[in-house]
């Protein structure tokens, strides 16, 4: 096996990769030199981290979350084999100049929907011209999907970021998507809301916090990365930052409906009476 791999300069401007957290970004880049000729590597935490980041044990507790980020970004596929879980870096072949026949054969089964040829992995439909679509091929493959092989939300997004299967998107997610598109209207970020991450963020801080944080991310160079890092820090602390919670509570109070109420008063001459005012409830 080669002692190293090519790292394309386009990684510096790859949108999906740069939307990942710094830790997921590092794990992705540090893994590339260790991939076999098919772009595969063991996907069990101890094996993978022991190979790619042996001096970073702090990555171990967060391993599944980091891999899920890469899965959500369509950079990695994870699947089960009789040798355990395997990671497939699906852009590997396009960015390498290796001579395939000169490297040792992969010890792993091909990813679902792929077959191994003399020149590398290809989609089975390209090899057989069967006309079967990719999803059907993957479901019929002899290799089993890991539960996290596909994106965590399983939502199919159209170019405007909205689901083509509306029944799969709950109202809070739909509102988060709308809020994102309004906040980032006119920018490149508007067309690709990080829907998969919305689910995890909603589960931690709730919808009002997420909507508020989307607005706070407006002036960030990498809104998704900033939000991910912020939520990850909160998760470590076990709570939403108190000042953010106060801002959200203040906004909720300001947006609460106002209703007329009467309050009793004592006039300077000692008489009593009532005045009507508006109170938010």
Protein backbone atom coordinates (compact mmCIF):
# COMPACT_ATOMS: atom_id res chain seq x y z
CA UNK A 1 0.00 0.00 0.00
CA UNK A 2 1.12 3.53 -0.69
CA UNK A 3 2.57 5.51 2.19
CA UNK A 4 0.36 8.46 1.42
CA UNK A 5 -2.51 9.75 -0.68
CA UNK A 6 -3.22 12.82 -2.75
CA UNK A 7 -5.13 15.65 -1.09
CA UNK A 8 -6.84 17.79 -3.70
CA UNK A 9 -6.55 21.54 -3.22
CA UNK A 10 -10.29 21.78 -3.82
CA UNK A 11 -10.74 20.52 -0.24
CA UNK A 12 -10.04 24.08 0.88
CA UNK A 13 -13.18 25.35 -0.85
CA UNK A 14 -15.40 22.28 -0.66
CA UNK A 15 -18.72 23.59 0.68
CA UNK A 16 -19.92 20.36 2.30
CA UNK A 17 -16.60 19.68 4.01
CA UNK A 18 -16.27 23.23 5.30
CA UNK A 19 -19.76 23.15 6.77
CA UNK A 20 -18.63 20.35 9.08
CA UNK A 21 -17.16 21.06 12.49
CA UNK A 22 -13.40 21.51 12.77
CA UNK A 23 -13.13 18.10 14.47
CA UNK A 24 -15.04 16.27 11.73
CA UNK A 25 -13.00 18.16 9.14
CA UNK A 26 -9.76 17.01 10.81
CA UNK A 27 -10.92 13.41 11.09
CA UNK A 28 -11.81 13.38 7.38
CA UNK A 29 -8.46 14.79 6.26
CA UNK A 30 -6.38 12.63 8.62
CA UNK A 31 -8.12 9.48 7.38
CA UNK A 32 -7.35 9.98 3.69
CA UNK A 33 -3.69 8.82 3.85
CA UNK A 34 -4.81 5.52 5.39
CA UNK A 35 -7.53 4.54 2.90
CA UNK A 36 -7.02 1.43 0.81
CA UNK A 37 -7.11 1.58 -2.97
CA UNK A 38 -10.92 1.52 -2.95
CA UNK A 39 -11.26 4.41 -0.50
CA UNK A 40 -12.23 2.10 2.38
CA UNK A 41 -11.20 1.89 6.02
CA UNK A 42 -12.43 0.11 9.14
CA UNK A 43 -15.33 2.06 10.63
CA UNK A 44 -15.15 0.88 14.23
CA UNK A 45 -14.10 3.71 16.59
CA UNK A 46 -10.99 2.12 18.12
CA UNK A 47 -9.69 0.84 14.78
CA UNK A 48 -10.36 4.04 12.88
CA UNK A 49 -9.10 6.50 15.49
CA UNK A 50 -6.16 4.26 16.37
CA UNK A 51 -5.09 4.50 12.73
CA UNK A 52 -5.96 8.08 11.79
CA UNK A 53 -5.71 9.96 15.12
CA UNK A 54 -3.82 7.74 17.58
CA UNK A 55 -2.83 10.66 19.82
CA UNK A 56 -6.31 12.15 20.11
CA UNK A 57 -8.25 9.96 22.57
CA UNK A 58 -10.55 12.94 23.18
CA UNK A 59 -12.20 12.16 19.83
CA UNK A 60 -13.42 8.77 21.01
CA UNK A 61 -16.56 9.89 22.95
CA UNK A 62 -17.68 12.00 19.99
CA UNK A 63 -16.76 9.57 17.24
CA UNK A 64 -20.28 8.64 16.15
CA UNK A 65 -21.36 12.29 16.01
CA UNK A 66 -18.34 13.22 13.89
CA UNK A 67 -18.91 10.35 11.47
CA UNK A 68 -22.59 11.29 11.26
CA UNK A 69 -21.56 14.80 10.24
CA UNK A 70 -19.54 13.37 7.35
CA UNK A 71 -22.42 11.08 6.39
CA UNK A 72 -24.83 14.03 6.44
CA UNK A 73 -22.45 15.95 4.19
CA UNK A 74 -22.43 13.06 1.65
CA UNK A 75 -18.68 12.65 2.11
CA UNK A 76 -18.73 9.19 3.68
CA UNK A 77 -20.90 6.06 3.57
CA UNK A 78 -20.90 3.60 6.46
CA UNK A 79 -22.02 0.00 6.06
CA UNK A 80 -21.86 -3.34 7.84
CA UNK A 81 -19.77 -6.33 6.76
CA UNK A 82 -18.68 -9.58 8.38
CA UNK A 83 -15.52 -7.70 9.39
CA UNK A 84 -17.49 -5.00 11.19
CA UNK A 85 -18.47 -1.55 10.03
CA UNK A 86 -16.61 -0.02 7.10
CA UNK A 87 -16.32 3.58 5.89
CA UNK A 88 -16.36 4.39 2.18
CA UNK A 89 -14.98 7.79 1.16
CA UNK A 90 -17.00 8.12 -2.00
CA UNK A 91 -14.93 10.91 -3.60
CA UNK A 92 -11.64 9.06 -3.11
CA UNK A 93 -11.21 7.67 -6.63
CA UNK A 94 -11.77 11.04 -8.32
CA UNK A 95 -8.96 12.67 -6.35
CA UNK A 96 -6.19 10.05 -6.60
CA UNK A 97 -3.60 9.26 -9.26
CA UNK A 98 -2.74 5.79 -7.99
CA UNK A 99 -2.11 2.83 -10.27
CA UNK A 100 -4.87 0.57 -9.04
CA UNK A 101 -3.26 -2.71 -10.09
CA UNK A 102 -0.04 -1.95 -8.18
CA UNK A 103 -1.70 -1.73 -4.79
CA UNK A 104 -2.83 -4.53 -2.54
CA UNK A 105 -6.45 -5.63 -2.81
CA UNK A 106 -8.92 -4.30 -0.28
CA UNK A 107 -9.82 -6.66 2.55
CA UNK A 108 -13.33 -5.18 2.75
CA UNK A 109 -16.50 -6.03 0.86
CA UNK A 110 -17.59 -3.34 -1.63
CA UNK A 111 -20.09 -0.74 -0.41
CA UNK A 112 -23.79 -1.39 -1.08
CA UNK A 113 -24.62 -0.85 -4.75
CA UNK A 114 -21.00 -1.09 -5.93
CA UNK A 115 -19.00 -3.87 -7.56
CA UNK A 116 -15.24 -4.28 -7.68
CA UNK A 117 -13.63 -4.29 -11.14
CA UNK A 118 -10.03 -4.42 -12.37
CA UNK A 119 -9.88 -0.63 -12.22
CA UNK A 120 -11.75 0.00 -8.98
CA UNK A 121 -15.25 0.28 -7.56
CA UNK A 122 -18.08 1.20 -9.90
CA UNK A 123 -21.81 1.47 -9.43
CA UNK A 124 -23.40 -1.87 -10.19
CA UNK A 125 -25.74 -0.31 -12.73
CA UNK A 126 -22.70 0.90 -14.70
CA UNK A 127 -21.25 -2.60 -14.65
CA UNK A 128 -24.45 -4.42 -15.58
CA UNK A 129 -26.44 -1.75 -17.44
CA UNK A 130 -29.40 -3.22 -15.60
CA UNK A 131 -31.36 0.01 -15.46
CA UNK A 132 -32.06 -0.47 -11.75
CA UNK A 133 -31.82 2.76 -9.81
CA UNK A 134 -29.12 3.27 -7.19
CA UNK A 135 -31.42 3.08 -4.16
CA UNK A 136 -32.81 -0.26 -5.34
CA UNK A 137 -29.32 -1.57 -5.96
CA UNK A 138 -28.23 -0.62 -2.48
CA UNK A 139 -31.24 -2.31 -0.92
CA UNK A 140 -30.59 -5.51 -2.92
CA UNK A 141 -26.88 -5.59 -2.19
CA UNK A 142 -25.52 -8.47 -0.16
CA UNK A 143 -23.86 -5.96 2.15
CA UNK A 144 -26.04 -4.46 4.86
CA UNK A 145 -26.48 -0.77 5.54
CA UNK A 146 -25.45 0.52 8.89
CA UNK A 147 -28.36 2.38 10.48
CA UNK A 148 -26.47 5.63 9.91
CA UNK A 149 -25.29 4.94 6.36
CA UNK A 150 -27.75 7.45 4.97
CA UNK A 151 -28.45 10.96 6.17
CA UNK A 152 -29.88 11.12 9.64
CA UNK A 153 -33.03 12.93 8.61
CA UNK A 154 -33.84 10.75 5.60
CA UNK A 155 -35.46 13.84 4.08
CA UNK A 156 -35.15 14.32 0.34
CA UNK A 157 -34.47 17.99 -0.34
CA UNK A 158 -35.20 19.91 -3.49
CA UNK A 159 -33.18 22.86 -4.74
CA UNK A 160 -35.06 25.25 -2.47
CA UNK A 161 -34.25 23.17 0.58
CA UNK A 162 -37.82 21.98 1.12
CA UNK A 163 -38.80 18.36 1.39
CA UNK A 164 -40.32 16.58 -1.60
CA UNK A 165 -42.15 14.40 0.92
CA UNK A 166 -43.91 17.01 3.03
CA UNK A 167 -45.31 14.45 5.38
CA UNK A 168 -41.77 13.63 6.54
CA UNK A 169 -41.06 17.18 7.69
CA UNK A 170 -42.57 18.23 11.00
CA UNK A 171 -43.77 21.83 11.42
CA UNK A 172 -40.80 22.88 13.56
CA UNK A 173 -38.33 21.69 10.91
CA UNK A 174 -40.37 23.36 8.18
CA UNK A 175 -40.33 26.62 10.13
CA UNK A 176 -36.57 26.33 10.70
CA UNK A 177 -36.06 25.86 6.95
CA UNK A 178 -38.22 28.90 6.22
CA UNK A 179 -36.41 30.99 8.83
CA UNK A 180 -33.04 29.96 7.36
CA UNK A 181 -34.10 30.91 3.84
CA UNK A 182 -35.41 34.29 4.98
CA UNK A 183 -32.31 35.10 7.06
CA UNK A 184 -29.87 34.05 4.33
CA UNK A 185 -31.87 35.28 1.33
CA UNK A 186 -29.54 36.52 -1.39
CA UNK A 187 -26.55 34.53 -0.11
CA UNK A 188 -25.16 31.14 -1.22
CA UNK A 189 -26.26 29.66 2.12
CA UNK A 190 -29.96 30.15 1.40
CA UNK A 191 -30.24 27.25 -1.04
CA UNK A 192 -28.94 24.59 1.35
CA UNK A 193 -30.31 24.74 4.89
CA UNK A 194 -28.55 22.17 7.13
CA UNK A 195 -31.80 20.22 7.58
CA UNK A 196 -30.12 17.10 8.97
CA UNK A 197 -28.52 19.11 11.76
CA UNK A 198 -31.78 20.91 12.59
CA UNK A 199 -33.14 17.68 14.05
CA UNK A 200 -30.33 17.36 16.58
CA UNK A 201 -30.36 21.06 17.43
CA UNK A 202 -34.11 21.06 17.98
CA UNK A 203 -33.79 18.07 20.30
CA UNK A 204 -31.31 19.95 22.48
CA UNK A 205 -32.49 23.55 22.75
CA UNK A 206 -36.01 23.52 21.34
CA UNK A 207 -37.48 25.45 18.41
CA UNK A 208 -37.34 29.00 19.80
CA UNK A 209 -33.64 28.68 20.56
CA UNK A 210 -32.95 27.29 17.08
CA UNK A 211 -34.87 30.08 15.33
CA UNK A 212 -33.01 32.66 17.42
CA UNK A 213 -29.63 31.09 16.69
CA UNK A 214 -30.31 31.00 12.95
CA UNK A 215 -30.75 34.77 13.13
CA UNK A 216 -27.55 35.11 15.19
CA UNK A 217 -25.63 33.17 12.53
CA UNK A 218 -26.46 35.66 9.79
CA UNK A 219 -23.14 37.53 9.95
CA UNK A 220 -20.94 34.43 10.31
CA UNK A 221 -18.57 33.34 7.55
CA UNK A 222 -19.60 29.71 8.06
CA UNK A 223 -23.09 29.74 9.64
CA UNK A 224 -23.51 25.97 9.79
CA UNK A 225 -20.06 25.42 11.28
CA UNK A 226 -20.63 28.18 13.85
CA UNK A 227 -23.99 26.73 14.86
CA UNK A 228 -22.57 23.23 15.14
CA UNK A 229 -19.70 24.37 17.36
CA UNK A 230 -22.04 26.44 19.54
CA UNK A 231 -24.51 23.60 20.05
CA UNK A 232 -21.69 21.15 20.67
CA UNK A 233 -20.30 23.39 23.42
CA UNK A 234 -23.75 23.61 24.98
CA UNK A 235 -24.09 19.85 24.86
CA UNK A 236 -20.81 19.52 26.75
CA UNK A 237 -22.03 22.05 29.33
CA UNK A 238 -25.42 20.37 29.59
CA UNK A 239 -27.39 23.55 28.95
CA UNK A 240 -28.02 26.37 26.51
CA UNK A 241 -25.82 29.37 27.33
CA UNK A 242 -27.72 31.40 29.98
CA UNK A 243 -27.46 34.68 28.09
CA UNK A 244 -28.98 33.04 25.00
CA UNK A 245 -31.78 31.56 27.11
CA UNK A 246 -32.45 35.07 28.48
CA UNK A 247 -32.51 36.57 24.99
CA UNK A 248 -34.98 33.93 23.83
CA UNK A 249 -37.17 34.41 26.91
CA UNK A 250 -37.14 38.18 26.34
CA UNK A 251 -38.14 37.72 22.74
CA UNK A 252 -40.96 35.36 23.73
CA UNK A 253 -42.21 37.91 26.25
CA UNK A 254 -42.05 40.74 23.72
CA UNK A 255 -43.97 38.66 21.17
CA UNK A 256 -46.63 37.51 23.63
CA UNK A 257 -50.16 38.78 22.88
CA UNK A 258 -51.29 41.81 24.86
CA UNK A 259 -54.66 41.78 26.58
CA UNK A 260 -56.48 44.57 28.42
CA UNK A 261 -56.40 44.35 32.21
CA UNK A 262 -57.74 46.58 34.95
CA UNK A 263 -55.65 47.52 37.94
CA UNK A 264 -56.78 49.17 41.14
CA UNK A 265 -55.22 52.46 42.21
CA UNK A 266 -55.49 54.91 45.09
CA UNK A 267 -55.74 58.53 44.04
CA UNK A 268 -53.91 61.30 45.96
CA UNK A 269 -57.16 62.36 47.62
CA UNK A 270 -57.57 58.85 49.05
CA UNK A 271 -60.29 57.68 46.70
CA UNK A 272 -59.89 54.43 44.84
CA UNK A 273 -60.54 53.49 41.28
CA UNK A 274 -59.45 51.39 38.32
CA UNK A 275 -57.48 52.06 35.18
CA UNK A 276 -57.23 49.86 32.13
CA UNK A 277 -53.88 48.95 30.62
CA UNK A 278 -52.44 46.27 28.34
CA UNK A 279 -50.49 43.31 29.64
CA UNK A 280 -48.62 40.63 27.72
CA UNK A 281 -49.51 37.10 28.73
